[in-house]
Amino acid sequence: MTEPTTLRLSKRMSELGLCSRREADEWIARGWVRVDGVVVSELGSKVAPHQTVTVERQAKAEQAKRVTILINKPVGYVSGQAEDGYQPAVVLVNAASRWSEDRSVQDFHGSQLRSLVPAGRLDIDSVGLLVLTQDGRIAKQLIGEDTSIEKEYLVRVRYTKPGKLPDSDLRRLNFGLSLDGKPLKRAIVKWQNDDQLSFILREGKKRQIRRMCDAVGLEVTGLKRVRIGQVKLGDLPTGQWRYLNIDEQF
């Protein structure tokens, strides 16, 4: 009889959507995880898919305190760690720069900056919606390997060749281009006006839109992310932030 396949408990917890793998390891070490009703506190423990995994109320309470913040990132800030003298976008998160129309009842305090990491990239020359989160579930949802969350951008462009962009190249922007030797997933790319395209992507390779445009002779002169999944940038002012509300989902 074939033995059932087992996998690390932390990975299984992530698959079940309970938390991120890092959070899982923390909870296991604290004795906050049960498998078939029995506390498991040894890191690296394995489980079978049919076993029931539950977490203690302390874990749920800690997770409920974790925040997700939406920033309208300006030009000149990097998404993650400081680099080449440029500051990370997280420095914009303080009491003074919170949007006055944020409808969340959450109070801001400094502990919310701990482990607040970007869930996705927005390069230094781009602006718009950037997500910072303490919640590993949201990070996985937005940037995990299997994510299918749409991201929408408004992109100002200039055609670098005589005439205008051929329809055949617009079709290539939608489907048919490759980056780094791998074909890109199907996108939705449409003209909004004479010098602006909208892009809807389901993946996020480094500088993907700029490289896609370059492949068909378009120079990007401005790039703004306006939506991630069901969450829109809306009227959030540049350089300000708000909380993701409990009734919002990506």
C-alpha atoms as a PDB file:
ATOM      1  CA  MET A   1       0.000   0.000   0.000  1.00  0.00           C
ATOM      2  CA  THR A   2       1.422   3.403  -0.993  1.00  0.00           C
ATOM      3  CA  GLU A   3       2.141   5.789   1.875  1.00  0.00           C
ATOM      4  CA  PRO A   4       0.318   9.143   1.571  1.00  0.00           C
ATOM      5  CA  THR A   5       2.520  12.028   0.441  1.00  0.00           C
ATOM      6  CA  THR A   6       3.582  14.309   3.278  1.00  0.00           C
ATOM      7  CA  LEU A   7       4.755  17.908   3.210  1.00  0.00           C
ATOM      8  CA  ARG A   8       6.080  20.452   5.660  1.00  0.00           C
ATOM      9  CA  LEU A   9       3.437  21.727   8.033  1.00  0.00           C
ATOM     10  CA  SER A  10       4.352  25.354   7.283  1.00  0.00           C
ATOM     11  CA  LYS A  11       3.870  24.775   3.552  1.00  0.00           C
ATOM     12  CA  ARG A  12       0.539  23.063   4.149  1.00  0.00           C
ATOM     13  CA  MET A  13      -0.638  25.991   6.284  1.00  0.00           C
ATOM     14  CA  SER A  14       0.287  28.373   3.481  1.00  0.00           C
ATOM     15  CA  GLU A  15      -1.572  26.221   0.935  1.00  0.00           C
ATOM     16  CA  LEU A  16      -4.649  26.283   3.167  1.00  0.00           C
ATOM     17  CA  GLY A  17      -4.510  30.082   3.268  1.00  0.00           C
ATOM     18  CA  LEU A  18      -4.010  30.186   7.031  1.00  0.00           C
ATOM     19  CA  CYS A  19      -0.865  32.316   6.880  1.00  0.00           C
ATOM     20  CA  SER A  20       2.502  32.674   5.165  1.00  0.00           C
ATOM     21  CA  ARG A  21       5.227  30.066   5.675  1.00  0.00           C
ATOM     22  CA  ARG A  22       7.197  32.468   7.867  1.00  0.00           C
ATOM     23  CA  GLU A  23       4.152  33.123  10.033  1.00  0.00           C
ATOM     24  CA  ALA A  24       3.513  29.382  10.198  1.00  0.00           C
ATOM     25  CA  ASP A  25       7.002  28.724  11.562  1.00  0.00           C
ATOM     26  CA  GLU A  26       6.491  31.429  14.208  1.00  0.00           C
ATOM     27  CA  TRP A  27       3.167  29.951  15.274  1.00  0.00           C
ATOM     28  CA  ILE A  28       4.504  26.393  15.337  1.00  0.00           C
ATOM     29  CA  ALA A  29       7.408  27.477  17.551  1.00  0.00           C
ATOM     30  CA  ARG A  30       4.942  29.159  19.934  1.00  0.00           C
ATOM     31  CA  GLY A  31       2.743  26.074  20.153  1.00  0.00           C
ATOM     32  CA  TRP A  32      -0.181  27.726  18.397  1.00  0.00           C
ATOM     33  CA  VAL A  33      -0.743  25.009  15.770  1.00  0.00           C
ATOM     34  CA  ARG A  34      -2.612  21.716  16.094  1.00  0.00           C
ATOM     35  CA  VAL A  35      -2.695  18.750  13.728  1.00  0.00           C
ATOM     36  CA  ASP A  36      -5.699  16.494  14.273  1.00  0.00           C
ATOM     37  CA  GLY A  37      -6.175  18.230  17.615  1.00  0.00           C
ATOM     38  CA  VAL A  38      -2.608  17.681  18.856  1.00  0.00           C
ATOM     39  CA  VAL A  39      -0.231  20.626  19.387  1.00  0.00           C
ATOM     40  CA  VAL A  40       2.795  20.517  17.067  1.00  0.00           C
ATOM     41  CA  SER A  41       5.696  22.734  18.131  1.00  0.00           C
ATOM     42  CA  GLU A  42       8.634  21.234  16.236  1.00  0.00           C
ATOM     43  CA  LEU A  43       9.793  23.175  13.185  1.00  0.00           C
ATOM     44  CA  GLY A  44      10.039  21.035  10.062  1.00  0.00           C
ATOM     45  CA  SER A  45       7.204  18.736  11.115  1.00  0.00           C
ATOM     46  CA  LYS A  46       5.340  17.093   8.250  1.00  0.00           C
ATOM     47  CA  VAL A  47       1.680  16.341   7.669  1.00  0.00           C
ATOM     48  CA  ALA A  48      -0.428  14.421   5.188  1.00  0.00           C
ATOM     49  CA  PRO A  49      -3.017  16.277   3.078  1.00  0.00           C
ATOM     50  CA  HIS A  50      -5.930  14.517   4.799  1.00  0.00           C
ATOM     51  CA  GLN A  51      -4.921  15.696   8.279  1.00  0.00           C
ATOM     52  CA  THR A  52      -6.761  18.610   9.878  1.00  0.00           C
ATOM     53  CA  VAL A  53      -4.682  21.687  10.699  1.00  0.00           C
ATOM     54  CA  THR A  54      -6.026  24.336  13.072  1.00  0.00           C
ATOM     55  CA  VAL A  55      -4.535  27.344  14.843  1.00  0.00           C
ATOM     56  CA  GLU A  56      -5.078  28.660  18.347  1.00  0.00           C
ATOM     57  CA  ARG A  57      -6.986  31.860  19.026  1.00  0.00           C
ATOM     58  CA  GLN A  58      -3.722  33.636  19.946  1.00  0.00           C
ATOM     59  CA  ALA A  59      -2.549  33.219  16.349  1.00  0.00           C
ATOM     60  CA  LYS A  60      -5.817  34.545  14.968  1.00  0.00           C
ATOM     61  CA  ALA A  61      -5.692  37.515  17.332  1.00  0.00           C
ATOM     62  CA  GLU A  62      -2.139  38.380  16.297  1.00  0.00           C
ATOM     63  CA  GLN A  63      -3.009  38.068  12.626  1.00  0.00           C
ATOM     64  CA  ALA A  64      -5.987  40.392  13.071  1.00  0.00           C
ATOM     65  CA  LYS A  65      -3.619  43.145  14.249  1.00  0.00           C
ATOM     66  CA  ARG A  66      -1.599  43.044  11.038  1.00  0.00           C
ATOM     67  CA  VAL A  67      -2.257  45.865   8.632  1.00  0.00           C
ATOM     68  CA  THR A  68      -2.187  46.394   4.892  1.00  0.00           C
ATOM     69  CA  ILE A  69      -1.475  49.881   3.619  1.00  0.00           C
ATOM     70  CA  LEU A  70      -2.121  51.408   0.196  1.00  0.00           C
ATOM     71  CA  ILE A  71       0.202  54.190  -0.970  1.00  0.00           C
ATOM     72  CA  ASN A  72       0.041  56.438  -4.001  1.00  0.00           C
ATOM     73  CA  LYS A  73       3.781  56.217  -4.661  1.00  0.00           C
ATOM     74  CA  PRO A  74       5.443  59.263  -6.230  1.00  0.00           C
ATOM     75  CA  VAL A  75       8.391  59.194  -8.624  1.00  0.00           C
ATOM     76  CA  GLY A  76      11.749  58.912  -6.868  1.00  0.00           C
ATOM     77  CA  TYR A  77      10.937  56.246  -4.280  1.00  0.00           C
ATOM     78  CA  VAL A  78      11.773  52.552  -4.530  1.00  0.00           C
ATOM     79  CA  SER A  79       9.295  49.863  -3.540  1.00  0.00           C
ATOM     80  CA  GLY A  80      11.495  47.891  -1.156  1.00  0.00           C
ATOM     81  CA  GLN A  81      14.905  48.400   0.416  1.00  0.00           C
ATOM     82  CA  ALA A  82      16.708  51.716  -0.071  1.00  0.00           C
ATOM     83  CA  GLU A  83      19.045  51.604  -3.063  1.00  0.00           C
ATOM     84  CA  ASP A  84      21.375  53.999  -4.886  1.00  0.00           C
ATOM     85  CA  GLY A  85      20.536  56.779  -2.457  1.00  0.00           C
ATOM     86  CA  TYR A  86      16.773  56.543  -3.022  1.00  0.00           C
ATOM     87  CA  GLN A  87      14.410  56.088  -0.096  1.00  0.00           C
ATOM     88  CA  PRO A  88      11.907  53.228   0.183  1.00  0.00           C
ATOM     89  CA  ALA A  89       8.221  54.080  -0.106  1.00  0.00           C
ATOM     90  CA  VAL A  90       7.615  52.956   3.490  1.00  0.00           C
ATOM     91  CA  VAL A  91       9.146  56.241   4.723  1.00  0.00           C
ATOM     92  CA  LEU A  92       5.966  57.913   3.459  1.00  0.00           C
ATOM     93  CA  VAL A  93       3.897  56.009   6.026  1.00  0.00           C
ATOM     94  CA  ASN A  94       3.442  58.237   9.057  1.00  0.00           C
ATOM     95  CA  ALA A  95       0.586  59.926  10.859  1.00  0.00           C
ATOM     96  CA  ALA A  96       0.985  63.203   8.965  1.00  0.00           C
ATOM     97  CA  SER A  97       0.762  61.654   5.486  1.00  0.00           C
ATOM     98  CA  ARG A  98      -2.319  59.538   6.151  1.00  0.00           C
ATOM     99  CA  TRP A  99      -5.130  60.513   3.773  1.00  0.00           C
ATOM    100  CA  SER A 100      -7.708  62.639   5.568  1.00  0.00           C
ATOM    101  CA  GLU A 101     -10.519  60.738   3.822  1.00  0.00           C
ATOM    102  CA  ASP A 102      -9.350  57.292   4.948  1.00  0.00           C
ATOM    103  CA  ARG A 103     -12.538  55.691   6.298  1.00  0.00           C
ATOM    104  CA  SER A 104     -10.738  53.051   8.364  1.00  0.00           C
ATOM    105  CA  VAL A 105     -11.210  53.274  12.137  1.00  0.00           C
ATOM    106  CA  GLN A 106      -7.680  51.899  12.592  1.00  0.00           C
ATOM    107  CA  ASP A 107      -5.302  54.100  14.613  1.00  0.00           C
ATOM    108  CA  PHE A 108      -1.761  54.468  13.323  1.00  0.00           C
ATOM    109  CA  HIS A 109       1.172  53.562  15.552  1.00  0.00           C
ATOM    110  CA  GLY A 110       4.823  52.819  14.908  1.00  0.00           C
ATOM    111  CA  SER A 111       4.569  49.068  15.489  1.00  0.00           C
ATOM    112  CA  GLN A 112       2.667  48.823  12.210  1.00  0.00           C
ATOM    113  CA  LEU A 113       5.897  49.633  10.375  1.00  0.00           C
ATOM    114  CA  ARG A 114       7.551  46.429  11.607  1.00  0.00           C
ATOM    115  CA  SER A 115       7.607  43.720   8.943  1.00  0.00           C
ATOM    116  CA  LEU A 116       5.688  46.014   6.572  1.00  0.00           C
ATOM    117  CA  VAL A 117       6.841  44.829   3.154  1.00  0.00           C
ATOM    118  CA  PRO A 118       5.840  45.588  -0.447  1.00  0.00           C
ATOM    119  CA  ALA A 119       3.521  43.059  -2.065  1.00  0.00           C
ATOM    120  CA  GLY A 120       4.675  43.756  -5.587  1.00  0.00           C
ATOM    121  CA  ARG A 121       7.070  46.055  -7.385  1.00  0.00           C
ATOM    122  CA  LEU A 122       6.612  49.565  -8.732  1.00  0.00           C
ATOM    123  CA  ASP A 123       9.852  50.931 -10.148  1.00  0.00           C
ATOM    124  CA  ILE A 124      11.413  54.234  -9.183  1.00  0.00           C
ATOM    125  CA  ASP A 125      10.148  56.076 -12.282  1.00  0.00           C
ATOM    126  CA  SER A 126       6.565  54.829 -11.900  1.00  0.00           C
ATOM    127  CA  VAL A 127       3.732  56.139  -9.755  1.00  0.00           C
ATOM    128  CA  GLY A 128       0.452  54.923  -8.361  1.00  0.00           C
ATOM    129  CA  LEU A 129      -0.907  52.116  -6.235  1.00  0.00           C
ATOM    130  CA  LEU A 130       1.626  50.262  -4.089  1.00  0.00           C
ATOM    131  CA  VAL A 131       0.631  47.732  -1.427  1.00  0.00           C
ATOM    132  CA  LEU A 132       2.611  47.350   1.798  1.00  0.00           C
ATOM    133  CA  THR A 133       1.498  44.585   4.140  1.00  0.00           C
ATOM    134  CA  GLN A 134       2.297  42.735   7.349  1.00  0.00           C
ATOM    135  CA  ASP A 135      -0.078  39.952   6.311  1.00  0.00           C
ATOM    136  CA  GLY A 136       1.596  37.000   4.618  1.00  0.00           C
ATOM    137  CA  ARG A 137      -1.720  35.836   3.163  1.00  0.00           C
ATOM    138  CA  ILE A 138      -2.078  39.044   1.177  1.00  0.00           C
ATOM    139  CA  ALA A 139       1.541  38.941   0.041  1.00  0.00           C
ATOM    140  CA  LYS A 140       1.020  35.416  -1.274  1.00  0.00           C
ATOM    141  CA  GLN A 141      -2.240  36.404  -2.961  1.00  0.00           C
ATOM    142  CA  LEU A 142      -0.602  39.292  -4.824  1.00  0.00           C
ATOM    143  CA  ILE A 143       2.882  37.991  -5.630  1.00  0.00           C
ATOM    144  CA  GLY A 144       2.759  34.228  -5.110  1.00  0.00           C
ATOM    145  CA  GLU A 145       3.716  31.928  -7.970  1.00  0.00           C
ATOM    146  CA  ASP A 146       0.097  31.029  -8.724  1.00  0.00           C
ATOM    147  CA  THR A 147      -1.392  34.511  -8.480  1.00  0.00           C
ATOM    148  CA  SER A 148      -3.919  35.541 -11.112  1.00  0.00           C
ATOM    149  CA  ILE A 149      -4.710  38.974  -9.671  1.00  0.00           C
ATOM    150  CA  GLU A 150      -5.057  41.637 -12.365  1.00  0.00           C
ATOM    151  CA  LYS A 151      -2.978  44.802 -12.198  1.00  0.00           C
ATOM    152  CA  GLU A 152      -4.044  47.782 -14.308  1.00  0.00           C
ATOM    153  CA  TYR A 153      -1.796  50.595 -15.518  1.00  0.00           C
ATOM    154  CA  LEU A 154      -2.163  53.803 -17.514  1.00  0.00           C
ATOM    155  CA  VAL A 155       0.914  54.269 -19.690  1.00  0.00           C
ATOM    156  CA  ARG A 156       1.892  57.369 -21.661  1.00  0.00           C
ATOM    157  CA  VAL A 157       3.984  56.500 -24.689  1.00  0.00           C
ATOM    158  CA  ARG A 158       5.778  58.006 -27.667  1.00  0.00           C
ATOM    159  CA  TYR A 159       6.238  56.034 -30.886  1.00  0.00           C
ATOM    160  CA  THR A 160       9.897  56.193 -31.899  1.00  0.00           C
ATOM    161  CA  LYS A 161       9.372  55.213 -35.547  1.00  0.00           C
ATOM    162  CA  PRO A 162       7.726  57.063 -38.451  1.00  0.00           C
ATOM    163  CA  GLY A 163       3.937  56.989 -38.495  1.00  0.00           C
ATOM    164  CA  LYS A 164       1.930  55.301 -35.761  1.00  0.00           C
ATOM    165  CA  LEU A 165       2.051  51.949 -33.999  1.00  0.00           C
ATOM    166  CA  PRO A 166       0.774  49.230 -36.374  1.00  0.00           C
ATOM    167  CA  ASP A 167      -2.252  47.220 -35.264  1.00  0.00           C
ATOM    168  CA  SER A 168      -0.107  44.092 -35.547  1.00  0.00           C
ATOM    169  CA  ASP A 169       2.227  45.421 -32.836  1.00  0.00           C
ATOM    170  CA  LEU A 170      -0.722  46.303 -30.608  1.00  0.00           C
ATOM    171  CA  ARG A 171      -1.807  42.681 -30.963  1.00  0.00           C
ATOM    172  CA  ARG A 172       1.724  41.587 -29.971  1.00  0.00           C
ATOM    173  CA  LEU A 173       1.459  43.685 -26.817  1.00  0.00           C
ATOM    174  CA  ASN A 174      -1.693  41.740 -25.988  1.00  0.00           C
ATOM    175  CA  PHE A 175      -0.122  38.368 -26.736  1.00  0.00           C
ATOM    176  CA  GLY A 176       2.978  37.167 -28.501  1.00  0.00           C
ATOM    177  CA  LEU A 177       5.927  38.825 -26.762  1.00  0.00           C
ATOM    178  CA  SER A 178       8.604  37.079 -24.707  1.00  0.00           C
ATOM    179  CA  LEU A 179      10.916  38.394 -21.996  1.00  0.00           C
ATOM    180  CA  ASP A 180      14.028  36.643 -20.714  1.00  0.00           C
ATOM    181  CA  GLY A 181      13.373  33.812 -23.141  1.00  0.00           C
ATOM    182  CA  LYS A 182       9.887  33.048 -21.787  1.00  0.00           C
ATOM    183  CA  PRO A 183       6.532  33.909 -23.389  1.00  0.00           C
ATOM    184  CA  LEU A 184       4.433  36.415 -21.501  1.00  0.00           C
ATOM    185  CA  LYS A 185       0.927  35.671 -20.317  1.00  0.00           C
ATOM    186  CA  ARG A 186      -1.913  37.182 -22.294  1.00  0.00           C
ATOM    187  CA  ALA A 187      -2.478  40.853 -21.445  1.00  0.00           C
ATOM    188  CA  ILE A 188      -5.218  43.357 -22.271  1.00  0.00           C
ATOM    189  CA  VAL A 189      -3.725  46.442 -23.922  1.00  0.00           C
ATOM    190  CA  LYS A 190      -5.893  49.194 -25.433  1.00  0.00           C
ATOM    191  CA  TRP A 191      -5.487  52.772 -26.571  1.00  0.00           C
ATOM    192  CA  GLN A 192      -7.099  55.308 -24.221  1.00  0.00           C
ATOM    193  CA  ASN A 193      -6.199  58.305 -26.383  1.00  0.00           C
ATOM    194  CA  ASP A 194      -3.503  59.276 -28.900  1.00  0.00           C
ATOM    195  CA  ASP A 195      -0.605  58.924 -26.460  1.00  0.00           C
ATOM    196  CA  GLN A 196      -1.897  56.706 -23.657  1.00  0.00           C
ATOM    197  CA  LEU A 197      -2.412  52.958 -23.390  1.00  0.00           C
ATOM    198  CA  SER A 198      -4.059  50.925 -20.659  1.00  0.00           C
ATOM    199  CA  PHE A 199      -2.366  47.657 -19.679  1.00  0.00           C
ATOM    200  CA  ILE A 200      -3.986  44.888 -17.635  1.00  0.00           C
ATOM    201  CA  LEU A 201      -1.466  42.237 -16.590  1.00  0.00           C
ATOM    202  CA  ARG A 202      -1.624  39.031 -14.562  1.00  0.00           C
ATOM    203  CA  GLU A 203       2.123  38.847 -13.939  1.00  0.00           C
ATOM    204  CA  GLY A 204       4.835  41.241 -12.847  1.00  0.00           C
ATOM    205  CA  LYS A 205       8.265  40.792 -14.354  1.00  0.00           C
ATOM    206  CA  LYS A 206      10.875  43.464 -13.671  1.00  0.00           C
ATOM    207  CA  ARG A 207      10.116  46.602 -15.717  1.00  0.00           C
ATOM    208  CA  GLN A 208       7.758  44.464 -17.780  1.00  0.00           C
ATOM    209  CA  ILE A 209       5.650  47.191 -19.369  1.00  0.00           C
ATOM    210  CA  ARG A 210       8.649  49.328 -20.302  1.00  0.00           C
ATOM    211  CA  ARG A 211      10.350  46.327 -21.894  1.00  0.00           C
ATOM    212  CA  MET A 212       7.179  45.289 -23.737  1.00  0.00           C
ATOM    213  CA  CYS A 213       6.805  48.783 -25.142  1.00  0.00           C
ATOM    214  CA  ASP A 214      10.453  48.946 -26.137  1.00  0.00           C
ATOM    215  CA  ALA A 215      10.010  45.714 -28.114  1.00  0.00           C
ATOM    216  CA  VAL A 216       7.491  47.415 -30.428  1.00  0.00           C
ATOM    217  CA  GLY A 217       9.175  50.814 -30.684  1.00  0.00           C
ATOM    218  CA  LEU A 218       7.294  52.664 -27.946  1.00  0.00           C
ATOM    219  CA  GLU A 219       9.048  54.857 -25.390  1.00  0.00           C
ATOM    220  CA  VAL A 220       7.289  55.057 -22.023  1.00  0.00           C
ATOM    221  CA  THR A 221       7.059  58.651 -20.784  1.00  0.00           C
ATOM    222  CA  GLY A 222       4.799  57.971 -17.803  1.00  0.00           C
ATOM    223  CA  LEU A 223       3.462  54.910 -15.976  1.00  0.00           C
ATOM    224  CA  LYS A 224       0.784  54.822 -13.285  1.00  0.00           C
ATOM    225  CA  ARG A 225      -0.750  51.775 -11.586  1.00  0.00           C
ATOM    226  CA  VAL A 226      -4.431  52.429 -10.940  1.00  0.00           C
ATOM    227  CA  ARG A 227      -5.815  49.075  -9.804  1.00  0.00           C
ATOM    228  CA  ILE A 228      -4.795  45.788  -8.182  1.00  0.00           C
ATOM    229  CA  GLY A 229      -7.558  43.209  -8.360  1.00  0.00           C
ATOM    230  CA  GLN A 230     -10.719  44.885  -7.069  1.00  0.00           C
ATOM    231  CA  VAL A 231      -8.854  47.640  -5.202  1.00  0.00           C
ATOM    232  CA  LYS A 232      -8.522  50.940  -7.063  1.00  0.00           C
ATOM    233  CA  LEU A 233      -6.183  53.869  -6.500  1.00  0.00           C
ATOM    234  CA  GLY A 234      -9.173  56.194  -6.713  1.00  0.00           C
ATOM    235  CA  ASP A 235      -8.683  59.704  -5.336  1.00  0.00           C
ATOM    236  CA  LEU A 236      -5.804  58.835  -2.999  1.00  0.00           C
ATOM    237  CA  PRO A 237      -3.405  61.802  -3.341  1.00  0.00           C
ATOM    238  CA  THR A 238       0.194  61.361  -4.429  1.00  0.00           C
ATOM    239  CA  GLY A 239       2.501  60.653  -1.486  1.00  0.00           C
ATOM    240  CA  GLN A 240      -0.353  59.783   0.875  1.00  0.00           C
ATOM    241  CA  TRP A 241      -1.647  56.449   2.164  1.00  0.00           C
ATOM    242  CA  ARG A 242      -4.654  54.709   3.632  1.00  0.00           C
ATOM    243  CA  TYR A 243      -5.492  51.350   5.191  1.00  0.00           C
ATOM    244  CA  LEU A 244      -7.024  48.468   3.281  1.00  0.00           C
ATOM    245  CA  ASN A 245     -10.473  48.249   4.831  1.00  0.00           C
ATOM    246  CA  ILE A 246     -11.997  45.076   6.213  1.00  0.00           C
ATOM    247  CA  ASP A 247     -14.681  45.130   3.503  1.00  0.00           C
ATOM    248  CA  GLU A 248     -12.118  45.347   0.676  1.00  0.00           C
ATOM    249  CA  GLN A 249     -10.612  42.360  -1.100  1.00  0.00           C
ATOM    250  CA  PHE A 250      -8.113  42.130  -3.906  1.00  0.00           C
END
